[in-house]
Amino acid sequence: MPKNLPQASLFDPSTGAAPDEQHQEILRRLGVHALPAHETRWLPLSRLQVPDEQTVRAPASLVRSIKLLGVLQAPSVVRCSPAEVDEDHAMYQVIAGRRRTKAARQARLTMLKVEVYAFSTPQLSALLALSENVQRSAAWVKEVADLRLLIDRRIALTGEDLVACGFARAGLTERLKMAQLPDPLLDQIVSGQVSLEVARKLIRLTPDHLARLAQLAHDEPLTAQVVKQALRAQIVERLPPVQMLLATEEPRLSPHTPLLSAQEDAPLPDTPSIDQVLATLDAFTRSDTYQRLEDVHLLLEALMQRLERARLDRAPTPSAAG
């Protein structure tokens, strides 16, 4: 007999708790009264239908992985044949795991382990597929932890070794950089204290900035703001060390005069012209320092902070004003 979901979920009647009004309303909109039971079965691939299969792209890396290791996460399916068709000939529609199913076909598998749901609705199928993708995307921390083990000098798998095992090169490059971060930073990632967004900023930092953050991470958790400040400092430091805009008594400046310098105490104008700001941003986005639009935002934040500091420094003190 089909079994209920093993995990305790908000929609799982096996928990013994009735869903609250909000969840009842969600289930109603999905066209069901409760999450349907399901069971694990092996089915011939010839009896699995992938909706819009011609539009589904199964990456070559996924096909290689399935040839080597098999399908590690069972797709979810629901029977789509009429009731009068006997079980040995019934067809099933894939509701989550279309790429895995197509890749398994291309890998020339004949049988596939699947989760067979007793019934479904189009709305519920969409939610199941979305939830599975969310759960898989949230597994990035485990991926980094596993890579940390595999690239250890005792095992020493290379990026090319991992690509040969079926990992996509593009996504693997980012995860490998994370797995090679200094131990204090990597420990916080593996323990779940660092978000994916922050981890992506970490791997863009130079060794010097990473060493400073690693020292900080020995004593306190990394915050998004601390990592953002480190990235902003790196962007500003890597700009050419030229004098910033001259004092306002020389107003006729070339529009190509850089606005920022690595020197914190360089003189600042009261009101830089639009041409000067645009010229600086244009030069910055053409340099090696610029990688993402976020870098421009960080650059502007640094400029605004410096201008505000200069304004406060130039403001008359209360005694002077008197």
C-alpha atoms as a PDB file:
ATOM      1  CA  MET A   1       0.000   0.000   0.000  1.00  0.00           C
ATOM      2  CA  PRO A   2       1.155   3.536  -0.602  1.00  0.00           C
ATOM      3  CA  LYS A   3       2.619   5.197   2.428  1.00  0.00           C
ATOM      4  CA  ASN A   4       2.345   8.700   3.779  1.00  0.00           C
ATOM      5  CA  LEU A   5       5.232  11.103   3.510  1.00  0.00           C
ATOM      6  CA  PRO A   6       7.897  10.064   6.035  1.00  0.00           C
ATOM      7  CA  GLN A   7       8.832  13.598   7.041  1.00  0.00           C
ATOM      8  CA  ALA A   8       6.637  15.682   9.331  1.00  0.00           C
ATOM      9  CA  SER A   9       5.375  18.481   7.113  1.00  0.00           C
ATOM     10  CA  LEU A  10       2.700  21.104   7.433  1.00  0.00           C
ATOM     11  CA  PHE A  11       0.530  19.169   5.011  1.00  0.00           C
ATOM     12  CA  ASP A  12       1.218  15.717   6.451  1.00  0.00           C
ATOM     13  CA  PRO A  13      -1.830  14.162   8.132  1.00  0.00           C
ATOM     14  CA  SER A  14       0.384  11.538   9.801  1.00  0.00           C
ATOM     15  CA  THR A  15       1.582  14.175  12.285  1.00  0.00           C
ATOM     16  CA  GLY A  16      -1.756  13.898  14.060  1.00  0.00           C
ATOM     17  CA  ALA A  17      -2.319  17.643  13.913  1.00  0.00           C
ATOM     18  CA  ALA A  18      -5.015  19.105  11.732  1.00  0.00           C
ATOM     19  CA  PRO A  19      -3.791  21.746   9.290  1.00  0.00           C
ATOM     20  CA  ASP A  20      -4.640  25.288  10.326  1.00  0.00           C
ATOM     21  CA  GLU A  21      -6.998  27.435   8.305  1.00  0.00           C
ATOM     22  CA  GLN A  22      -4.265  28.867   6.114  1.00  0.00           C
ATOM     23  CA  HIS A  23      -2.943  25.434   5.147  1.00  0.00           C
ATOM     24  CA  GLN A  24      -6.441  24.121   4.569  1.00  0.00           C
ATOM     25  CA  GLU A  25      -7.002  27.024   2.217  1.00  0.00           C
ATOM     26  CA  ILE A  26      -3.705  26.285   0.418  1.00  0.00           C
ATOM     27  CA  LEU A  27      -4.670  22.638  -0.013  1.00  0.00           C
ATOM     28  CA  ARG A  28      -8.083  23.682  -1.314  1.00  0.00           C
ATOM     29  CA  ARG A  29      -6.473  25.922  -3.921  1.00  0.00           C
ATOM     30  CA  LEU A  30      -4.215  23.028  -4.919  1.00  0.00           C
ATOM     31  CA  GLY A  31      -7.334  20.938  -5.496  1.00  0.00           C
ATOM     32  CA  VAL A  32      -6.753  18.401  -2.698  1.00  0.00           C
ATOM     33  CA  HIS A  33      -7.866  17.846   0.898  1.00  0.00           C
ATOM     34  CA  ALA A  34      -4.523  16.390   2.035  1.00  0.00           C
ATOM     35  CA  LEU A  35      -1.129  15.662   0.566  1.00  0.00           C
ATOM     36  CA  PRO A  36      -1.519  12.367  -1.321  1.00  0.00           C
ATOM     37  CA  ALA A  37       0.208   9.173  -0.205  1.00  0.00           C
ATOM     38  CA  HIS A  38       3.082   7.839  -2.281  1.00  0.00           C
ATOM     39  CA  GLU A  39       5.325   4.786  -2.546  1.00  0.00           C
ATOM     40  CA  THR A  40       8.760   4.028  -3.977  1.00  0.00           C
ATOM     41  CA  ARG A  41       8.727   1.738  -7.007  1.00  0.00           C
ATOM     42  CA  TRP A  42      10.888   0.675  -9.925  1.00  0.00           C
ATOM     43  CA  LEU A  43       9.259   1.327 -13.300  1.00  0.00           C
ATOM     44  CA  PRO A  44      10.410   0.824 -16.898  1.00  0.00           C
ATOM     45  CA  LEU A  45      11.471   4.097 -18.448  1.00  0.00           C
ATOM     46  CA  SER A  46       9.279   3.245 -21.412  1.00  0.00           C
ATOM     47  CA  ARG A  47       6.240   3.758 -19.161  1.00  0.00           C
ATOM     48  CA  LEU A  48       7.266   7.220 -17.986  1.00  0.00           C
ATOM     49  CA  GLN A  49       6.019  10.263 -19.835  1.00  0.00           C
ATOM     50  CA  VAL A  50       7.869  13.577 -19.552  1.00  0.00           C
ATOM     51  CA  PRO A  51       5.582  16.544 -20.322  1.00  0.00           C
ATOM     52  CA  ASP A  52       6.967  18.646 -23.190  1.00  0.00           C
ATOM     53  CA  GLU A  53       9.991  16.353 -23.332  1.00  0.00           C
ATOM     54  CA  GLN A  54      11.204  17.903 -26.577  1.00  0.00           C
ATOM     55  CA  THR A  55      11.747  21.208 -24.756  1.00  0.00           C
ATOM     56  CA  VAL A  56      13.483  19.679 -21.718  1.00  0.00           C
ATOM     57  CA  ARG A  57      17.261  20.101 -21.757  1.00  0.00           C
ATOM     58  CA  ALA A  58      19.274  17.328 -20.118  1.00  0.00           C
ATOM     59  CA  PRO A  59      22.867  18.604 -19.724  1.00  0.00           C
ATOM     60  CA  ALA A  60      25.648  16.304 -20.888  1.00  0.00           C
ATOM     61  CA  SER A  61      27.143  16.541 -17.399  1.00  0.00           C
ATOM     62  CA  LEU A  62      23.942  15.097 -15.917  1.00  0.00           C
ATOM     63  CA  VAL A  63      23.961  12.228 -18.421  1.00  0.00           C
ATOM     64  CA  ARG A  64      27.594  11.434 -17.523  1.00  0.00           C
ATOM     65  CA  SER A  65      26.770  11.498 -13.818  1.00  0.00           C
ATOM     66  CA  ILE A  66      23.835   9.116 -14.273  1.00  0.00           C
ATOM     67  CA  LYS A  67      25.945   6.723 -16.356  1.00  0.00           C
ATOM     68  CA  LEU A  68      28.535   6.618 -13.579  1.00  0.00           C
ATOM     69  CA  LEU A  69      26.426   6.813 -10.416  1.00  0.00           C
ATOM     70  CA  GLY A  70      22.818   6.293 -11.438  1.00  0.00           C
ATOM     71  CA  VAL A  71      19.858   8.537 -10.525  1.00  0.00           C
ATOM     72  CA  LEU A  72      20.437   9.375  -6.855  1.00  0.00           C
ATOM     73  CA  GLN A  73      17.196  11.289  -6.255  1.00  0.00           C
ATOM     74  CA  ALA A  74      14.043   9.551  -7.444  1.00  0.00           C
ATOM     75  CA  PRO A  75      11.716  11.583  -9.680  1.00  0.00           C
ATOM     76  CA  SER A  76       8.076  11.943  -8.626  1.00  0.00           C
ATOM     77  CA  VAL A  77       5.372  10.537 -10.906  1.00  0.00           C
ATOM     78  CA  VAL A  78       1.611  10.042 -10.963  1.00  0.00           C
ATOM     79  CA  ARG A  79      -0.445   7.498 -12.893  1.00  0.00           C
ATOM     80  CA  CYS A  80      -1.991   8.970 -16.030  1.00  0.00           C
ATOM     81  CA  SER A  81      -3.564   5.858 -17.631  1.00  0.00           C
ATOM     82  CA  PRO A  82      -7.326   5.274 -17.368  1.00  0.00           C
ATOM     83  CA  ALA A  83      -8.548   3.052 -14.536  1.00  0.00           C
ATOM     84  CA  GLU A  84      -9.386   0.183 -16.907  1.00  0.00           C
ATOM     85  CA  VAL A  85      -5.711  -0.206 -17.923  1.00  0.00           C
ATOM     86  CA  ASP A  86      -4.056  -2.909 -15.824  1.00  0.00           C
ATOM     87  CA  GLU A  87      -1.122  -1.983 -13.615  1.00  0.00           C
ATOM     88  CA  ASP A  88       1.482  -3.800 -15.721  1.00  0.00           C
ATOM     89  CA  HIS A  89       0.738  -1.523 -18.671  1.00  0.00           C
ATOM     90  CA  ALA A  90      -0.179   1.728 -16.943  1.00  0.00           C
ATOM     91  CA  MET A  91       1.662   4.900 -17.926  1.00  0.00           C
ATOM     92  CA  TYR A  92       2.965   7.486 -15.461  1.00  0.00           C
ATOM     93  CA  GLN A  93       3.594  11.178 -15.894  1.00  0.00           C
ATOM     94  CA  VAL A  94       6.677  12.772 -14.355  1.00  0.00           C
ATOM     95  CA  ILE A  95       5.691  15.693 -12.113  1.00  0.00           C
ATOM     96  CA  ALA A  96       9.139  16.433 -10.628  1.00  0.00           C
ATOM     97  CA  GLY A  97      12.470  15.362 -12.118  1.00  0.00           C
ATOM     98  CA  ARG A  98      11.907  15.809 -15.839  1.00  0.00           C
ATOM     99  CA  ARG A  99      15.588  16.438 -16.596  1.00  0.00           C
ATOM    100  CA  ARG A 100      16.705  13.409 -14.576  1.00  0.00           C
ATOM    101  CA  THR A 101      14.216  11.199 -16.385  1.00  0.00           C
ATOM    102  CA  LYS A 102      15.248  12.422 -19.820  1.00  0.00           C
ATOM    103  CA  ALA A 103      18.932  12.119 -18.925  1.00  0.00           C
ATOM    104  CA  ALA A 104      18.317   8.557 -17.696  1.00  0.00           C
ATOM    105  CA  ARG A 105      16.787   7.768 -21.072  1.00  0.00           C
ATOM    106  CA  GLN A 106      19.807   9.254 -22.852  1.00  0.00           C
ATOM    107  CA  ALA A 107      22.078   7.232 -20.558  1.00  0.00           C
ATOM    108  CA  ARG A 108      20.258   4.135 -21.874  1.00  0.00           C
ATOM    109  CA  LEU A 109      18.822   3.050 -18.522  1.00  0.00           C
ATOM    110  CA  THR A 110      15.814   0.781 -18.773  1.00  0.00           C
ATOM    111  CA  MET A 111      14.406   1.001 -15.218  1.00  0.00           C
ATOM    112  CA  LEU A 112      14.095   3.952 -12.896  1.00  0.00           C
ATOM    113  CA  LYS A 113      13.284   4.231  -9.202  1.00  0.00           C
ATOM    114  CA  VAL A 114      10.463   6.732  -8.726  1.00  0.00           C
ATOM    115  CA  GLU A 115       8.093   8.072  -6.090  1.00  0.00           C
ATOM    116  CA  VAL A 116       4.577   7.157  -7.268  1.00  0.00           C
ATOM    117  CA  TYR A 117       1.928   9.531  -5.936  1.00  0.00           C
ATOM    118  CA  ALA A 118      -1.568   8.136  -5.550  1.00  0.00           C
ATOM    119  CA  PHE A 119      -3.013  11.167  -7.336  1.00  0.00           C
ATOM    120  CA  SER A 120      -2.204  14.765  -8.128  1.00  0.00           C
ATOM    121  CA  THR A 121      -3.582  17.944  -9.628  1.00  0.00           C
ATOM    122  CA  PRO A 122      -1.778  20.335 -11.999  1.00  0.00           C
ATOM    123  CA  GLN A 123      -1.487  22.831  -9.159  1.00  0.00           C
ATOM    124  CA  LEU A 124      -0.076  20.269  -6.713  1.00  0.00           C
ATOM    125  CA  SER A 125       2.353  18.958  -9.344  1.00  0.00           C
ATOM    126  CA  ALA A 126       3.656  22.492  -9.868  1.00  0.00           C
ATOM    127  CA  LEU A 127       4.137  22.942  -6.108  1.00  0.00           C
ATOM    128  CA  LEU A 128       5.942  19.598  -5.745  1.00  0.00           C
ATOM    129  CA  ALA A 129       8.316  20.438  -8.614  1.00  0.00           C
ATOM    130  CA  LEU A 130       8.988  23.891  -7.197  1.00  0.00           C
ATOM    131  CA  SER A 131       9.548  22.570  -3.666  1.00  0.00           C
ATOM    132  CA  GLU A 132      11.994  19.947  -4.912  1.00  0.00           C
ATOM    133  CA  ASN A 133      14.004  22.600  -6.757  1.00  0.00           C
ATOM    134  CA  VAL A 134      14.065  24.792  -3.648  1.00  0.00           C
ATOM    135  CA  GLN A 135      15.285  21.901  -1.488  1.00  0.00           C
ATOM    136  CA  ARG A 136      17.993  21.026  -3.983  1.00  0.00           C
ATOM    137  CA  SER A 137      19.173  24.638  -4.284  1.00  0.00           C
ATOM    138  CA  ALA A 138      19.352  24.854  -0.489  1.00  0.00           C
ATOM    139  CA  ALA A 139      21.838  21.961  -0.495  1.00  0.00           C
ATOM    140  CA  TRP A 140      24.738  24.186  -1.564  1.00  0.00           C
ATOM    141  CA  VAL A 141      26.247  24.108   1.942  1.00  0.00           C
ATOM    142  CA  LYS A 142      26.443  20.306   1.835  1.00  0.00           C
ATOM    143  CA  GLU A 143      27.980  20.517  -1.632  1.00  0.00           C
ATOM    144  CA  VAL A 144      30.736  22.792  -0.332  1.00  0.00           C
ATOM    145  CA  ALA A 145      31.356  20.508   2.657  1.00  0.00           C
ATOM    146  CA  ASP A 146      31.593  17.449   0.398  1.00  0.00           C
ATOM    147  CA  LEU A 147      33.940  19.231  -2.007  1.00  0.00           C
ATOM    148  CA  ARG A 148      36.106  20.219   0.941  1.00  0.00           C
ATOM    149  CA  LEU A 149      36.577  16.513   1.673  1.00  0.00           C
ATOM    150  CA  LEU A 150      37.131  15.470  -1.930  1.00  0.00           C
ATOM    151  CA  ILE A 151      39.799  18.078  -2.684  1.00  0.00           C
ATOM    152  CA  ASP A 152      41.678  17.324   0.533  1.00  0.00           C
ATOM    153  CA  ARG A 153      45.294  16.341  -0.212  1.00  0.00           C
ATOM    154  CA  ARG A 154      44.607  12.748   0.879  1.00  0.00           C
ATOM    155  CA  ILE A 155      42.034  12.351  -1.902  1.00  0.00           C
ATOM    156  CA  ALA A 156      42.995  15.302  -4.102  1.00  0.00           C
ATOM    157  CA  LEU A 157      40.276  15.113  -6.738  1.00  0.00           C
ATOM    158  CA  THR A 158      40.778  17.893  -9.287  1.00  0.00           C
ATOM    159  CA  GLY A 159      38.156  19.950 -11.052  1.00  0.00           C
ATOM    160  CA  GLU A 160      38.676  17.832 -14.163  1.00  0.00           C
ATOM    161  CA  ASP A 161      38.126  14.660 -12.116  1.00  0.00           C
ATOM    162  CA  LEU A 162      34.835  16.039 -10.832  1.00  0.00           C
ATOM    163  CA  VAL A 163      33.730  17.114 -14.310  1.00  0.00           C
ATOM    164  CA  ALA A 164      34.408  13.555 -15.466  1.00  0.00           C
ATOM    165  CA  CYS A 165      32.070  12.375 -12.701  1.00  0.00           C
ATOM    166  CA  GLY A 166      29.271  14.477 -14.173  1.00  0.00           C
ATOM    167  CA  PHE A 167      29.526  17.823 -12.400  1.00  0.00           C
ATOM    168  CA  ALA A 168      28.702  20.844 -14.542  1.00  0.00           C
ATOM    169  CA  ARG A 169      31.864  22.898 -14.985  1.00  0.00           C
ATOM    170  CA  ALA A 170      30.167  26.292 -14.573  1.00  0.00           C
ATOM    171  CA  GLY A 171      28.532  25.607 -11.213  1.00  0.00           C
ATOM    172  CA  LEU A 172      31.475  23.543 -10.009  1.00  0.00           C
ATOM    173  CA  THR A 173      33.928  26.436 -10.383  1.00  0.00           C
ATOM    174  CA  GLU A 174      32.026  28.571  -7.872  1.00  0.00           C
ATOM    175  CA  ARG A 175      31.632  25.752  -5.342  1.00  0.00           C
ATOM    176  CA  LEU A 176      35.312  24.815  -5.617  1.00  0.00           C
ATOM    177  CA  LYS A 177      36.335  28.381  -4.830  1.00  0.00           C
ATOM    178  CA  MET A 178      34.145  28.244  -1.735  1.00  0.00           C
ATOM    179  CA  ALA A 179      35.631  24.895  -0.677  1.00  0.00           C
ATOM    180  CA  GLN A 180      39.132  26.412  -0.916  1.00  0.00           C
ATOM    181  CA  LEU A 181      38.438  29.385   1.370  1.00  0.00           C
ATOM    182  CA  PRO A 182      40.494  29.677   4.585  1.00  0.00           C
ATOM    183  CA  ASP A 183      39.334  27.254   7.266  1.00  0.00           C
ATOM    184  CA  PRO A 184      37.774  29.828   9.645  1.00  0.00           C
ATOM    185  CA  LEU A 185      35.579  31.128   6.803  1.00  0.00           C
ATOM    186  CA  LEU A 186      34.827  27.677   5.459  1.00  0.00           C
ATOM    187  CA  ASP A 187      33.852  26.445   8.929  1.00  0.00           C
ATOM    188  CA  GLN A 188      31.221  29.173   9.182  1.00  0.00           C
ATOM    189  CA  ILE A 189      29.884  28.270   5.728  1.00  0.00           C
ATOM    190  CA  VAL A 190      29.645  24.563   6.554  1.00  0.00           C
ATOM    191  CA  SER A 191      27.941  25.310   9.881  1.00  0.00           C
ATOM    192  CA  GLY A 192      25.245  27.262   8.047  1.00  0.00           C
ATOM    193  CA  GLN A 193      26.154  30.692   9.437  1.00  0.00           C
ATOM    194  CA  VAL A 194      26.844  32.232   6.017  1.00  0.00           C
ATOM    195  CA  SER A 195      24.281  32.763   3.260  1.00  0.00           C
ATOM    196  CA  LEU A 196      24.976  31.864  -0.369  1.00  0.00           C
ATOM    197  CA  GLU A 197      24.941  35.564  -1.279  1.00  0.00           C
ATOM    198  CA  VAL A 198      27.652  36.319   1.287  1.00  0.00           C
ATOM    199  CA  ALA A 199      29.700  33.251   0.250  1.00  0.00           C
ATOM    200  CA  ARG A 200      29.678  34.529  -3.328  1.00  0.00           C
ATOM    201  CA  LYS A 201      31.144  37.806  -2.118  1.00  0.00           C
ATOM    202  CA  LEU A 202      33.828  35.982  -0.133  1.00  0.00           C
ATOM    203  CA  ILE A 203      35.225  34.171  -3.169  1.00  0.00           C
ATOM    204  CA  ARG A 204      35.731  37.512  -4.929  1.00  0.00           C
ATOM    205  CA  LEU A 205      38.079  38.828  -2.261  1.00  0.00           C
ATOM    206  CA  THR A 206      41.866  38.863  -2.600  1.00  0.00           C
ATOM    207  CA  PRO A 207      44.008  36.642  -0.348  1.00  0.00           C
ATOM    208  CA  ASP A 208      44.905  39.663   1.799  1.00  0.00           C
ATOM    209  CA  HIS A 209      41.287  40.561   2.483  1.00  0.00           C
ATOM    210  CA  LEU A 210      40.399  36.922   3.058  1.00  0.00           C
ATOM    211  CA  ALA A 211      43.213  36.620   5.596  1.00  0.00           C
ATOM    212  CA  ARG A 212      41.841  39.618   7.501  1.00  0.00           C
ATOM    213  CA  LEU A 213      38.332  38.195   7.527  1.00  0.00           C
ATOM    214  CA  ALA A 214      39.650  34.759   8.544  1.00  0.00           C
ATOM    215  CA  GLN A 215      41.326  36.366  11.545  1.00  0.00           C
ATOM    216  CA  LEU A 216      38.066  38.090  12.415  1.00  0.00           C
ATOM    217  CA  ALA A 217      36.121  34.833  11.981  1.00  0.00           C
ATOM    218  CA  HIS A 218      38.143  33.210  14.770  1.00  0.00           C
ATOM    219  CA  ASP A 219      36.338  35.402  17.293  1.00  0.00           C
ATOM    220  CA  GLU A 220      32.942  36.317  15.834  1.00  0.00           C
ATOM    221  CA  PRO A 221      30.498  35.290  13.125  1.00  0.00           C
ATOM    222  CA  LEU A 222      30.765  36.897   9.720  1.00  0.00           C
ATOM    223  CA  THR A 223      27.946  39.250   8.822  1.00  0.00           C
ATOM    224  CA  ALA A 224      26.785  40.317   5.399  1.00  0.00           C
ATOM    225  CA  GLN A 225      27.738  43.905   6.226  1.00  0.00           C
ATOM    226  CA  VAL A 226      31.318  43.018   7.210  1.00  0.00           C
ATOM    227  CA  VAL A 227      31.898  41.060   3.990  1.00  0.00           C
ATOM    228  CA  LYS A 228      30.278  43.836   1.958  1.00  0.00           C
ATOM    229  CA  GLN A 229      32.608  46.393   3.526  1.00  0.00           C
ATOM    230  CA  ALA A 230      35.617  44.202   2.714  1.00  0.00           C
ATOM    231  CA  LEU A 231      34.552  43.915  -0.919  1.00  0.00           C
ATOM    232  CA  ARG A 232      33.929  47.655  -1.150  1.00  0.00           C
ATOM    233  CA  ALA A 233      37.365  48.413   0.346  1.00  0.00           C
ATOM    234  CA  GLN A 234      38.965  46.051  -2.168  1.00  0.00           C
ATOM    235  CA  ILE A 235      37.224  47.779  -5.077  1.00  0.00           C
ATOM    236  CA  VAL A 236      38.328  51.230  -3.922  1.00  0.00           C
ATOM    237  CA  GLU A 237      41.904  50.110  -3.183  1.00  0.00           C
ATOM    238  CA  ARG A 238      42.332  48.634  -6.639  1.00  0.00           C
ATOM    239  CA  LEU A 239      41.508  51.889  -8.396  1.00  0.00           C
ATOM    240  CA  PRO A 240      44.514  53.818  -9.783  1.00  0.00           C
ATOM    241  CA  PRO A 241      46.181  55.844  -6.975  1.00  0.00           C
ATOM    242  CA  VAL A 242      45.573  59.227  -8.621  1.00  0.00           C
ATOM    243  CA  GLN A 243      44.630  62.497  -6.963  1.00  0.00           C
ATOM    244  CA  MET A 244      40.888  62.974  -6.605  1.00  0.00           C
ATOM    245  CA  LEU A 245      39.108  66.045  -7.855  1.00  0.00           C
ATOM    246  CA  LEU A 246      40.918  69.211  -6.994  1.00  0.00           C
ATOM    247  CA  ALA A 247      39.562  71.801  -4.607  1.00  0.00           C
ATOM    248  CA  THR A 248      36.530  73.789  -5.702  1.00  0.00           C
ATOM    249  CA  GLU A 249      38.579  76.931  -6.394  1.00  0.00           C
ATOM    250  CA  GLU A 250      39.633  75.217  -9.657  1.00  0.00           C
ATOM    251  CA  PRO A 251      36.215  74.493 -11.150  1.00  0.00           C
ATOM    252  CA  ARG A 252      37.191  73.879 -14.773  1.00  0.00           C
ATOM    253  CA  LEU A 253      38.323  70.255 -14.633  1.00  0.00           C
ATOM    254  CA  SER A 254      38.566  67.671 -17.325  1.00  0.00           C
ATOM    255  CA  PRO A 255      35.482  65.397 -17.284  1.00  0.00           C
ATOM    256  CA  HIS A 256      37.868  62.455 -17.286  1.00  0.00           C
ATOM    257  CA  THR A 257      39.455  63.325 -13.947  1.00  0.00           C
ATOM    258  CA  PRO A 258      38.998  60.286 -11.668  1.00  0.00           C
ATOM    259  CA  LEU A 259      36.805  60.813  -8.622  1.00  0.00           C
ATOM    260  CA  LEU A 260      38.264  58.181  -6.327  1.00  0.00           C
ATOM    261  CA  SER A 261      41.682  57.393  -5.042  1.00  0.00           C
ATOM    262  CA  ALA A 262      43.161  54.796  -2.762  1.00  0.00           C
ATOM    263  CA  GLN A 263      44.165  57.704  -0.529  1.00  0.00           C
ATOM    264  CA  GLU A 264      41.559  58.184   2.185  1.00  0.00           C
ATOM    265  CA  ASP A 265      42.682  61.747   2.944  1.00  0.00           C
ATOM    266  CA  ALA A 266      42.656  63.032  -0.616  1.00  0.00           C
ATOM    267  CA  PRO A 267      40.804  66.346  -1.057  1.00  0.00           C
ATOM    268  CA  LEU A 268      37.172  66.101  -2.117  1.00  0.00           C
ATOM    269  CA  PRO A 269      34.967  68.512  -4.078  1.00  0.00           C
ATOM    270  CA  ASP A 270      31.759  69.879  -2.669  1.00  0.00           C
ATOM    271  CA  THR A 271      29.768  69.113  -5.822  1.00  0.00           C
ATOM    272  CA  PRO A 272      31.335  66.885  -8.498  1.00  0.00           C
ATOM    273  CA  SER A 273      29.825  67.385 -11.909  1.00  0.00           C
ATOM    274  CA  ILE A 274      27.635  64.789 -13.599  1.00  0.00           C
ATOM    275  CA  ASP A 275      30.216  64.475 -16.387  1.00  0.00           C
ATOM    276  CA  GLN A 276      32.918  63.722 -13.859  1.00  0.00           C
ATOM    277  CA  VAL A 277      30.819  61.069 -12.102  1.00  0.00           C
ATOM    278  CA  LEU A 278      29.866  59.420 -15.399  1.00  0.00           C
ATOM    279  CA  ALA A 279      33.448  59.498 -16.653  1.00  0.00           C
ATOM    280  CA  THR A 280      34.664  57.814 -13.479  1.00  0.00           C
ATOM    281  CA  LEU A 281      31.975  55.120 -13.639  1.00  0.00           C
ATOM    282  CA  ASP A 282      32.708  54.533 -17.325  1.00  0.00           C
ATOM    283  CA  ALA A 283      36.416  54.077 -16.611  1.00  0.00           C
ATOM    284  CA  PHE A 284      35.639  51.804 -13.681  1.00  0.00           C
ATOM    285  CA  THR A 285      33.301  49.502 -15.630  1.00  0.00           C
ATOM    286  CA  ARG A 286      35.995  49.096 -18.290  1.00  0.00           C
ATOM    287  CA  SER A 287      38.646  48.088 -15.765  1.00  0.00           C
ATOM    288  CA  ASP A 288      39.588  44.665 -14.413  1.00  0.00           C
ATOM    289  CA  THR A 289      38.255  45.686 -11.007  1.00  0.00           C
ATOM    290  CA  TYR A 290      34.651  45.748 -12.239  1.00  0.00           C
ATOM    291  CA  GLN A 291      32.924  42.366 -12.275  1.00  0.00           C
ATOM    292  CA  ARG A 292      29.258  42.919 -11.427  1.00  0.00           C
ATOM    293  CA  LEU A 293      26.729  45.733 -11.264  1.00  0.00           C
ATOM    294  CA  GLU A 294      26.954  45.407  -7.491  1.00  0.00           C
ATOM    295  CA  ASP A 295      30.520  46.747  -7.732  1.00  0.00           C
ATOM    296  CA  VAL A 296      29.220  50.054  -9.093  1.00  0.00           C
ATOM    297  CA  HIS A 297      26.824  50.297  -6.165  1.00  0.00           C
ATOM    298  CA  LEU A 298      29.667  49.671  -3.727  1.00  0.00           C
ATOM    299  CA  LEU A 299      31.817  52.247  -5.488  1.00  0.00           C
ATOM    300  CA  LEU A 300      29.062  54.856  -5.257  1.00  0.00           C
ATOM    301  CA  GLU A 301      28.495  54.040  -1.598  1.00  0.00           C
ATOM    302  CA  ALA A 302      32.177  54.627  -0.895  1.00  0.00           C
ATOM    303  CA  LEU A 303      32.101  57.914  -2.788  1.00  0.00           C
ATOM    304  CA  MET A 304      28.999  59.100  -0.927  1.00  0.00           C
ATOM    305  CA  GLN A 305      30.546  58.225   2.423  1.00  0.00           C
ATOM    306  CA  ARG A 306      33.718  60.167   1.576  1.00  0.00           C
ATOM    307  CA  LEU A 307      31.777  63.188   0.379  1.00  0.00           C
ATOM    308  CA  GLU A 308      29.667  63.150   3.514  1.00  0.00           C
ATOM    309  CA  ARG A 309      32.800  62.907   5.659  1.00  0.00           C
ATOM    310  CA  ALA A 310      34.313  65.859   3.762  1.00  0.00           C
ATOM    311  CA  ARG A 311      31.131  67.882   4.188  1.00  0.00           C
ATOM    312  CA  LEU A 312      31.136  67.281   7.934  1.00  0.00           C
ATOM    313  CA  ASP A 313      34.836  68.152   8.161  1.00  0.00           C
ATOM    314  CA  ARG A 314      34.228  71.456   6.372  1.00  0.00           C
ATOM    315  CA  ALA A 315      31.094  72.365   8.290  1.00  0.00           C
ATOM    316  CA  PRO A 316      31.709  75.249  10.712  1.00  0.00           C
ATOM    317  CA  THR A 317      31.827  74.277  14.334  1.00  0.00           C
ATOM    318  CA  PRO A 318      29.279  75.879  16.674  1.00  0.00           C
ATOM    319  CA  SER A 319      31.983  78.129  18.176  1.00  0.00           C
ATOM    320  CA  ALA A 320      33.201  79.234  14.769  1.00  0.00           C
ATOM    321  CA  ALA A 321      29.650  79.925  13.636  1.00  0.00           C
ATOM    322  CA  GLY A 322      29.138  82.116  16.733  1.00  0.00           C
END
